[in-house]
């Protein structure tokens, strides 16, 4: 990935690699490259930290369950749509 600080701002390709790194979508060699890059590039390290925080908050938010009343309203609306489509 190189040193973003010596090149100016990190570009979209570099940031995309961070997302792939977080998703576990890189080869072992690429993972090591990104790790080394994060050790030397404060800009990418900050982006990495921010993305980790965002993912953590989203993950915590996704553990909440919908109220039963909402589930019932959704199921009722699905049934209504099925009836409309079946007769429409």
PDB file of N, CA and C in Angstrom:
ATOM      1  N   UNK A   1       0.811  -1.197   0.000  1.00  0.00           N
ATOM      2  CA  UNK A   1       0.000   0.000   0.000  1.00  0.00           C
ATOM      3  C   UNK A   1       0.851   1.256   0.000  1.00  0.00           C
ATOM      4  N   UNK A   2       2.067   1.175   0.447  1.00  0.00           N
ATOM      5  CA  UNK A   2       2.913   2.360   0.426  1.00  0.00           C
ATOM      6  C   UNK A   2       2.625   3.271   1.600  1.00  0.00           C
ATOM      7  N   UNK A   3       3.317   4.381   1.628  1.00  0.00           N
ATOM      8  CA  UNK A   3       3.155   5.357   2.688  1.00  0.00           C
ATOM      9  C   UNK A   3       2.331   6.521   2.172  1.00  0.00           C
ATOM     10  N   UNK A   4       1.113   6.644   2.623  1.00  0.00           N
ATOM     11  CA  UNK A   4       0.212   7.694   2.138  1.00  0.00           C
ATOM     12  C   UNK A   4       0.735   9.083   2.491  1.00  0.00           C
ATOM     13  N   UNK A   5       1.394   9.192   3.623  1.00  0.00           N
ATOM     14  CA  UNK A   5       1.876  10.507   4.034  1.00  0.00           C
ATOM     15  C   UNK A   5       2.864  11.075   3.030  1.00  0.00           C
ATOM     16  N   UNK A   6       3.680  10.230   2.432  1.00  0.00           N
ATOM     17  CA  UNK A   6       4.653  10.737   1.455  1.00  0.00           C
ATOM     18  C   UNK A   6       3.980  11.028   0.120  1.00  0.00           C
ATOM     19  N   UNK A   7       2.791  10.484  -0.097  1.00  0.00           N
ATOM     20  CA  UNK A   7       2.081  10.695  -1.352  1.00  0.00           C
ATOM     21  C   UNK A   7       0.983  11.743  -1.237  1.00  0.00           C
ATOM     22  N   UNK A   8       0.777  12.286  -0.063  1.00  0.00           N
ATOM     23  CA  UNK A   8      -0.355  13.179   0.140  1.00  0.00           C
ATOM     24  C   UNK A   8      -1.487  12.382   0.756  1.00  0.00           C
ATOM     25  N   UNK A   9      -2.691  12.717   0.369  1.00  0.00           N
ATOM     26  CA  UNK A   9      -3.857  12.030   0.916  1.00  0.00           C
ATOM     27  C   UNK A   9      -3.961  10.609   0.387  1.00  0.00           C
ATOM     28  N   UNK A  10      -4.561   9.737   1.189  1.00  0.00           N
ATOM     29  CA  UNK A  10      -4.831   8.379   0.749  1.00  0.00           C
ATOM     30  C   UNK A  10      -5.941   8.419  -0.295  1.00  0.00           C
ATOM     31  N   UNK A  11      -5.836   7.588  -1.307  1.00  0.00           N
ATOM     32  CA  UNK A  11      -6.866   7.578  -2.337  1.00  0.00           C
ATOM     33  C   UNK A  11      -7.921   6.521  -2.033  1.00  0.00           C
ATOM     34  N   UNK A  12      -8.951   6.466  -2.855  1.00  0.00           N
ATOM     35  CA  UNK A  12     -10.056   5.535  -2.638  1.00  0.00           C
ATOM     36  C   UNK A  12      -9.599   4.081  -2.654  1.00  0.00           C
ATOM     37  N   UNK A  13      -8.613   3.759  -3.471  1.00  0.00           N
ATOM     38  CA  UNK A  13      -8.108   2.388  -3.545  1.00  0.00           C
ATOM     39  C   UNK A  13      -7.520   1.976  -2.210  1.00  0.00           C
ATOM     40  N   UNK A  14      -6.765   2.858  -1.596  1.00  0.00           N
ATOM     41  CA  UNK A  14      -6.173   2.549  -0.292  1.00  0.00           C
ATOM     42  C   UNK A  14      -7.257   2.355   0.766  1.00  0.00           C
ATOM     43  N   UNK A  15      -8.267   3.199   0.744  1.00  0.00           N
ATOM     44  CA  UNK A  15      -9.357   3.093   1.707  1.00  0.00           C
ATOM     45  C   UNK A  15     -10.150   1.807   1.468  1.00  0.00           C
ATOM     46  N   UNK A  16     -10.373   1.457   0.211  1.00  0.00           N
ATOM     47  CA  UNK A  16     -11.072   0.214  -0.119  1.00  0.00           C
ATOM     48  C   UNK A  16     -10.316  -0.990   0.442  1.00  0.00           C
ATOM     49  N   UNK A  17      -9.009  -0.948   0.397  1.00  0.00           N
ATOM     50  CA  UNK A  17      -8.194  -2.037   0.959  1.00  0.00           C
ATOM     51  C   UNK A  17      -8.419  -2.163   2.460  1.00  0.00           C
ATOM     52  N   UNK A  18      -8.646  -1.053   3.142  1.00  0.00           N
ATOM     53  CA  UNK A  18      -8.941  -1.110   4.572  1.00  0.00           C
ATOM     54  C   UNK A  18     -10.247  -1.856   4.820  1.00  0.00           C
ATOM     55  N   UNK A  19     -11.257  -1.588   3.998  1.00  0.00           N
ATOM     56  CA  UNK A  19     -12.535  -2.281   4.144  1.00  0.00           C
ATOM     57  C   UNK A  19     -12.360  -3.778   3.888  1.00  0.00           C
ATOM     58  N   UNK A  20     -11.600  -4.113   2.866  1.00  0.00           N
ATOM     59  CA  UNK A  20     -11.333  -5.529   2.568  1.00  0.00           C
ATOM     60  C   UNK A  20     -10.571  -6.173   3.723  1.00  0.00           C
ATOM     61  N   UNK A  21      -9.655  -5.430   4.304  1.00  0.00           N
ATOM     62  CA  UNK A  21      -8.886  -5.908   5.456  1.00  0.00           C
ATOM     63  C   UNK A  21      -9.831  -6.214   6.622  1.00  0.00           C
ATOM     64  N   UNK A  22     -10.727  -5.287   6.910  1.00  0.00           N
ATOM     65  CA  UNK A  22     -11.679  -5.472   8.000  1.00  0.00           C
ATOM     66  C   UNK A  22     -12.649  -6.619   7.732  1.00  0.00           C
ATOM     67  N   UNK A  23     -12.971  -6.829   6.475  1.00  0.00           N
ATOM     68  CA  UNK A  23     -13.905  -7.898   6.099  1.00  0.00           C
ATOM     69  C   UNK A  23     -13.229  -9.259   6.002  1.00  0.00           C
ATOM     70  N   UNK A  24     -11.897  -9.304   6.117  1.00  0.00           N
ATOM     71  CA  UNK A  24     -11.165 -10.560   5.984  1.00  0.00           C
ATOM     72  C   UNK A  24     -11.147 -11.060   4.555  1.00  0.00           C
ATOM     73  N   UNK A  25     -11.179 -10.137   3.599  1.00  0.00           N
ATOM     74  CA  UNK A  25     -11.282 -10.502   2.187  1.00  0.00           C
ATOM     75  C   UNK A  25      -9.952 -10.388   1.438  1.00  0.00           C
ATOM     76  N   UNK A  26      -8.847 -10.414   2.167  1.00  0.00           N
ATOM     77  CA  UNK A  26      -7.531 -10.292   1.534  1.00  0.00           C
ATOM     78  C   UNK A  26      -6.727 -11.573   1.730  1.00  0.00           C
ATOM     79  N   UNK A  27      -5.784 -11.789   0.833  1.00  0.00           N
ATOM     80  CA  UNK A  27      -4.874 -12.921   0.991  1.00  0.00           C
ATOM     81  C   UNK A  27      -3.959 -12.651   2.189  1.00  0.00           C
ATOM     82  N   UNK A  28      -3.271 -13.684   2.642  1.00  0.00           N
ATOM     83  CA  UNK A  28      -2.365 -13.535   3.783  1.00  0.00           C
ATOM     84  C   UNK A  28      -1.308 -12.466   3.495  1.00  0.00           C
ATOM     85  N   UNK A  29      -0.760 -12.488   2.288  1.00  0.00           N
ATOM     86  CA  UNK A  29       0.254 -11.502   1.914  1.00  0.00           C
ATOM     87  C   UNK A  29      -0.314 -10.087   1.939  1.00  0.00           C
ATOM     88  N   UNK A  30      -1.526  -9.921   1.379  1.00  0.00           N
ATOM     89  CA  UNK A  30      -2.155  -8.596   1.368  1.00  0.00           C
ATOM     90  C   UNK A  30      -2.495  -8.135   2.785  1.00  0.00           C
ATOM     91  N   UNK A  31      -2.924  -9.071   3.638  1.00  0.00           N
ATOM     92  CA  UNK A  31      -3.197  -8.721   5.033  1.00  0.00           C
ATOM     93  C   UNK A  31      -1.954  -8.162   5.704  1.00  0.00           C
ATOM     94  N   UNK A  32      -0.831  -8.817   5.474  1.00  0.00           N
ATOM     95  CA  UNK A  32       0.428  -8.348   6.058  1.00  0.00           C
ATOM     96  C   UNK A  32       0.816  -6.981   5.513  1.00  0.00           C
ATOM     97  N   UNK A  33       0.602  -6.759   4.221  1.00  0.00           N
ATOM     98  CA  UNK A  33       0.897  -5.454   3.620  1.00  0.00           C
ATOM     99  C   UNK A  33       0.072  -4.353   4.272  1.00  0.00           C
ATOM    100  N   UNK A  34      -1.211  -4.617   4.469  1.00  0.00           N
ATOM    101  CA  UNK A  34      -2.088  -3.609   5.073  1.00  0.00           C
ATOM    102  C   UNK A  34      -1.684  -3.361   6.518  1.00  0.00           C
ATOM    103  N   UNK A  35      -1.384  -4.416   7.262  1.00  0.00           N
ATOM    104  CA  UNK A  35      -0.935  -4.253   8.656  1.00  0.00           C
ATOM    105  C   UNK A  35       0.299  -3.360   8.736  1.00  0.00           C
ATOM    106  N   UNK A  36       1.280  -3.651   7.871  1.00  0.00           N
ATOM    107  CA  UNK A  36       2.506  -2.842   7.862  1.00  0.00           C
ATOM    108  C   UNK A  36       2.190  -1.394   7.509  1.00  0.00           C
ATOM    109  N   UNK A  37       1.308  -1.218   6.552  1.00  0.00           N
ATOM    110  CA  UNK A  37       0.950   0.138   6.135  1.00  0.00           C
ATOM    111  C   UNK A  37       0.288   0.894   7.286  1.00  0.00           C
ATOM    112  N   UNK A  38      -0.614   0.236   8.010  1.00  0.00           N
ATOM    113  CA  UNK A  38      -1.302   0.889   9.122  1.00  0.00           C
ATOM    114  C   UNK A  38      -0.336   1.324  10.215  1.00  0.00           C
ATOM    115  N   UNK A  39       0.769   0.584  10.372  1.00  0.00           N
ATOM    116  CA  UNK A  39       1.765   0.937  11.376  1.00  0.00           C
ATOM    117  C   UNK A  39       2.489   2.235  11.034  1.00  0.00           C
ATOM    118  N   UNK A  40       2.525   2.589   9.753  1.00  0.00           N
ATOM    119  CA  UNK A  40       3.320   3.743   9.321  1.00  0.00           C
ATOM    120  C   UNK A  40       2.504   4.900   8.758  1.00  0.00           C
ATOM    121  N   UNK A  41       1.211   4.727   8.600  1.00  0.00           N
ATOM    122  CA  UNK A  41       0.394   5.777   7.997  1.00  0.00           C
ATOM    123  C   UNK A  41      -0.702   6.191   8.969  1.00  0.00           C
ATOM    124  N   UNK A  42      -0.543   7.345   9.569  1.00  0.00           N
ATOM    125  CA  UNK A  42      -1.522   7.791  10.562  1.00  0.00           C
ATOM    126  C   UNK A  42      -2.879   8.078   9.923  1.00  0.00           C
ATOM    127  N   UNK A  43      -2.882   8.512   8.678  1.00  0.00           N
ATOM    128  CA  UNK A  43      -4.147   8.805   7.995  1.00  0.00           C
ATOM    129  C   UNK A  43      -4.981   7.530   7.832  1.00  0.00           C
ATOM    130  N   UNK A  44      -4.366   6.479   7.353  1.00  0.00           N
ATOM    131  CA  UNK A  44      -5.079   5.204   7.196  1.00  0.00           C
ATOM    132  C   UNK A  44      -5.414   4.594   8.556  1.00  0.00           C
ATOM    133  N   UNK A  45      -4.527   4.754   9.534  1.00  0.00           N
ATOM    134  CA  UNK A  45      -4.793   4.224  10.873  1.00  0.00           C
ATOM    135  C   UNK A  45      -6.018   4.903  11.479  1.00  0.00           C
ATOM    136  N   UNK A  46      -6.156   6.208  11.269  1.00  0.00           N
ATOM    137  CA  UNK A  46      -7.334   6.921  11.774  1.00  0.00           C
ATOM    138  C   UNK A  46      -8.600   6.444  11.065  1.00  0.00           C
ATOM    139  N   UNK A  47      -8.527   6.242   9.761  1.00  0.00           N
ATOM    140  CA  UNK A  47      -9.667   5.737   8.999  1.00  0.00           C
ATOM    141  C   UNK A  47     -10.047   4.336   9.486  1.00  0.00           C
ATOM    142  N   UNK A  48      -9.045   3.513   9.749  1.00  0.00           N
ATOM    143  CA  UNK A  48      -9.256   2.165  10.264  1.00  0.00           C
ATOM    144  C   UNK A  48      -9.959   2.219  11.621  1.00  0.00           C
ATOM    145  N   UNK A  49      -9.458   3.062  12.527  1.00  0.00           N
ATOM    146  CA  UNK A  49     -10.056   3.190  13.859  1.00  0.00           C
ATOM    147  C   UNK A  49     -11.513   3.648  13.767  1.00  0.00           C
ATOM    148  N   UNK A  50     -11.775   4.624  12.910  1.00  0.00           N
ATOM    149  CA  UNK A  50     -13.134   5.124  12.735  1.00  0.00           C
ATOM    150  C   UNK A  50     -14.059   4.027  12.222  1.00  0.00           C
ATOM    151  N   UNK A  51     -13.603   3.270  11.243  1.00  0.00           N
ATOM    152  CA  UNK A  51     -14.419   2.186  10.685  1.00  0.00           C
ATOM    153  C   UNK A  51     -14.677   1.104  11.734  1.00  0.00           C
ATOM    154  N   UNK A  52     -13.701   0.827  12.580  1.00  0.00           N
ATOM    155  CA  UNK A  52     -13.904  -0.147  13.663  1.00  0.00           C
ATOM    156  C   UNK A  52     -14.983   0.333  14.633  1.00  0.00           C
ATOM    157  N   UNK A  53     -14.968   1.611  14.956  1.00  0.00           N
ATOM    158  CA  UNK A  53     -15.976   2.174  15.854  1.00  0.00           C
ATOM    159  C   UNK A  53     -17.358   2.088  15.216  1.00  0.00           C
ATOM    160  N   UNK A  54     -17.449   2.468  13.952  1.00  0.00           N
ATOM    161  CA  UNK A  54     -18.735   2.422  13.249  1.00  0.00           C
ATOM    162  C   UNK A  54     -19.273   0.997  13.218  1.00  0.00           C
ATOM    163  N   UNK A  55     -18.424   0.052  12.871  1.00  0.00           N
ATOM    164  CA  UNK A  55     -18.862  -1.349  12.810  1.00  0.00           C
ATOM    165  C   UNK A  55     -19.302  -1.854  14.179  1.00  0.00           C
ATOM    166  N   UNK A  56     -18.625  -1.438  15.226  1.00  0.00           N
ATOM    167  CA  UNK A  56     -18.982  -1.853  16.572  1.00  0.00           C
ATOM    168  C   UNK A  56     -20.359  -1.315  16.966  1.00  0.00           C
ATOM    169  N   UNK A  57     -20.612  -0.049  16.662  1.00  0.00           N
ATOM    170  CA  UNK A  57     -21.902   0.559  16.982  1.00  0.00           C
ATOM    171  C   UNK A  57     -23.021  -0.107  16.190  1.00  0.00           C
ATOM    172  N   UNK A  58     -22.791  -0.365  14.910  1.00  0.00           N
ATOM    173  CA  UNK A  58     -23.799  -1.019  14.080  1.00  0.00           C
ATOM    174  C   UNK A  58     -24.080  -2.426  14.609  1.00  0.00           C
ATOM    175  N   UNK A  59     -23.028  -3.130  14.969  1.00  0.00           N
ATOM    176  CA  UNK A  59     -23.191  -4.496  15.474  1.00  0.00           C
ATOM    177  C   UNK A  59     -24.024  -4.503  16.757  1.00  0.00           C
ATOM    178  N   UNK A  60     -23.738  -3.576  17.659  1.00  0.00           N
ATOM    179  CA  UNK A  60     -24.512  -3.488  18.899  1.00  0.00           C
ATOM    180  C   UNK A  60     -25.964  -3.139  18.611  1.00  0.00           C
ATOM    181  N   UNK A  61     -26.196  -2.252  17.665  1.00  0.00           N
ATOM    182  CA  UNK A  61     -27.552  -1.825  17.324  1.00  0.00           C
ATOM    183  C   UNK A  61     -28.356  -2.955  16.706  1.00  0.00           C
ATOM    184  N   UNK A  62     -27.694  -3.841  16.002  1.00  0.00           N
ATOM    185  CA  UNK A  62     -28.387  -4.928  15.308  1.00  0.00           C
ATOM    186  C   UNK A  62     -28.821  -6.046  16.246  1.00  0.00           C
ATOM    187  N   UNK A  63     -28.417  -6.003  17.497  1.00  0.00           N
ATOM    188  CA  UNK A  63     -28.819  -7.047  18.430  1.00  0.00           C
ATOM    189  C   UNK A  63     -30.189  -6.762  19.038  1.00  0.00           C
ATOM    190  N   UNK A  64     -30.685  -5.536  18.882  1.00  0.00           N
ATOM    191  CA  UNK A  64     -32.005  -5.199  19.393  1.00  0.00           C
ATOM    192  C   UNK A  64     -33.067  -5.926  18.576  1.00  0.00           C
ATOM    193  N   UNK A  65     -34.116  -6.378  19.244  1.00  0.00           N
ATOM    194  CA  UNK A  65     -35.199  -7.040  18.531  1.00  0.00           C
ATOM    195  C   UNK A  65     -36.346  -6.060  18.329  1.00  0.00           C
ATOM    196  N   UNK A  66     -37.066  -6.238  17.240  1.00  0.00           N
ATOM    197  CA  UNK A  66     -38.207  -5.384  16.941  1.00  0.00           C
ATOM    198  C   UNK A  66     -39.348  -5.718  17.890  1.00  0.00           C
ATOM    199  N   UNK A  67     -40.138  -4.708  18.264  1.00  0.00           N
ATOM    200  CA  UNK A  67     -41.297  -4.983  19.121  1.00  0.00           C
ATOM    201  C   UNK A  67     -42.291  -5.901  18.409  1.00  0.00           C
ATOM    202  N   UNK A  68     -42.985  -6.702  19.173  1.00  0.00           N
ATOM    203  CA  UNK A  68     -43.956  -7.641  18.597  1.00  0.00           C
ATOM    204  C   UNK A  68     -45.027  -6.907  17.801  1.00  0.00           C
ATOM    205  N   UNK A  69     -45.424  -5.723  18.246  1.00  0.00           N
ATOM    206  CA  UNK A  69     -46.453  -4.973  17.507  1.00  0.00           C
ATOM    207  C   UNK A  69     -45.976  -4.612  16.106  1.00  0.00           C
ATOM    208  N   UNK A  70     -44.710  -4.272  15.972  1.00  0.00           N
ATOM    209  CA  UNK A  70     -44.156  -3.968  14.651  1.00  0.00           C
ATOM    210  C   UNK A  70     -44.135  -5.215  13.785  1.00  0.00           C
ATOM    211  N   UNK A  71     -43.711  -6.324  14.356  1.00  0.00           N
ATOM    212  CA  UNK A  71     -43.687  -7.580  13.610  1.00  0.00           C
ATOM    213  C   UNK A  71     -45.090  -7.933  13.121  1.00  0.00           C
ATOM    214  N   UNK A  72     -46.079  -7.762  13.980  1.00  0.00           N
ATOM    215  CA  UNK A  72     -47.460  -8.074  13.614  1.00  0.00           C
ATOM    216  C   UNK A  72     -47.953  -7.174  12.487  1.00  0.00           C
ATOM    217  N   UNK A  73     -47.643  -5.866  12.565  1.00  0.00           N
ATOM    218  CA  UNK A  73     -48.063  -4.932  11.509  1.00  0.00           C
ATOM    219  C   UNK A  73     -47.409  -5.278  10.177  1.00  0.00           C
ATOM    220  N   UNK A  74     -46.159  -5.660  10.213  1.00  0.00           N
ATOM    221  CA  UNK A  74     -45.455  -6.030   8.977  1.00  0.00           C
ATOM    222  C   UNK A  74     -46.081  -7.275   8.377  1.00  0.00           C
ATOM    223  N   UNK A  75     -46.332  -8.284   9.192  1.00  0.00           N
ATOM    224  CA  UNK A  75     -46.935  -9.517   8.688  1.00  0.00           C
ATOM    225  C   UNK A  75     -48.335  -9.257   8.138  1.00  0.00           C
ATOM    226  N   UNK A  76     -49.102  -8.376   8.789  1.00  0.00           N
ATOM    227  CA  UNK A  76     -50.440  -8.036   8.316  1.00  0.00           C
ATOM    228  C   UNK A  76     -50.353  -7.354   6.950  1.00  0.00           C
ATOM    229  N   UNK A  77     -49.402  -6.441   6.815  1.00  0.00           N
ATOM    230  CA  UNK A  77     -49.250  -5.722   5.539  1.00  0.00           C
ATOM    231  C   UNK A  77     -48.800  -6.676   4.432  1.00  0.00           C
ATOM    232  N   UNK A  78     -47.931  -7.607   4.736  1.00  0.00           N
ATOM    233  CA  UNK A  78     -47.510  -8.606   3.748  1.00  0.00           C
ATOM    234  C   UNK A  78     -48.711  -9.419   3.292  1.00  0.00           C
ATOM    235  N   UNK A  79     -49.558  -9.815   4.223  1.00  0.00           N
ATOM    236  CA  UNK A  79     -50.765 -10.575   3.875  1.00  0.00           C
ATOM    237  C   UNK A  79     -51.687  -9.742   2.984  1.00  0.00           C
ATOM    238  N   UNK A  80     -51.840  -8.458   3.302  1.00  0.00           N
ATOM    239  CA  UNK A  80     -52.686  -7.577   2.485  1.00  0.00           C
ATOM    240  C   UNK A  80     -52.149  -7.460   1.067  1.00  0.00           C
ATOM    241  N   UNK A  81     -50.840  -7.316   0.944  1.00  0.00           N
ATOM    242  CA  UNK A  81     -50.226  -7.192  -0.383  1.00  0.00           C
ATOM    243  C   UNK A  81     -50.422  -8.481  -1.172  1.00  0.00           C
ATOM    244  N   UNK A  82     -50.260  -9.612  -0.521  1.00  0.00           N
ATOM    245  CA  UNK A  82     -50.455 -10.890  -1.205  1.00  0.00           C
ATOM    246  C   UNK A  82     -51.889 -11.011  -1.731  1.00  0.00           C
ATOM    247  N   UNK A  83     -52.852 -10.576  -0.936  1.00  0.00           N
ATOM    248  CA  UNK A  83     -54.243 -10.623  -1.361  1.00  0.00           C
ATOM    249  C   UNK A  83     -54.461  -9.687  -2.542  1.00  0.00           C
ATOM    250  N   UNK A  84     -53.907  -8.448  -2.455  1.00  0.00           N
ATOM    251  CA  UNK A  84     -54.048  -7.478  -3.540  1.00  0.00           C
ATOM    252  C   UNK A  84     -53.435  -8.006  -4.839  1.00  0.00           C
ATOM    253  N   UNK A  85     -52.260  -8.574  -4.749  1.00  0.00           N
ATOM    254  CA  UNK A  85     -51.567  -9.087  -5.928  1.00  0.00           C
ATOM    255  C   UNK A  85     -52.316 -10.294  -6.485  1.00  0.00           C
ATOM    256  N   UNK A  86     -52.813 -11.135  -5.628  1.00  0.00           N
ATOM    257  CA  UNK A  86     -53.541 -12.320  -6.069  1.00  0.00           C
ATOM    258  C   UNK A  86     -54.846 -11.978  -6.777  1.00  0.00           C
ATOM    259  N   UNK A  87     -55.471 -10.855  -6.389  1.00  0.00           N
ATOM    260  CA  UNK A  87     -56.741 -10.456  -6.998  1.00  0.00           C
ATOM    261  C   UNK A  87     -56.551  -9.344  -8.016  1.00  0.00           C
ATOM    262  N   UNK A  88     -55.360  -8.780  -8.084  1.00  0.00           N
ATOM    263  CA  UNK A  88     -55.121  -7.611  -8.947  1.00  0.00           C
ATOM    264  C   UNK A  88     -54.742  -8.026 -10.285  1.00  0.00           C
TER     265      UNK A  88
END
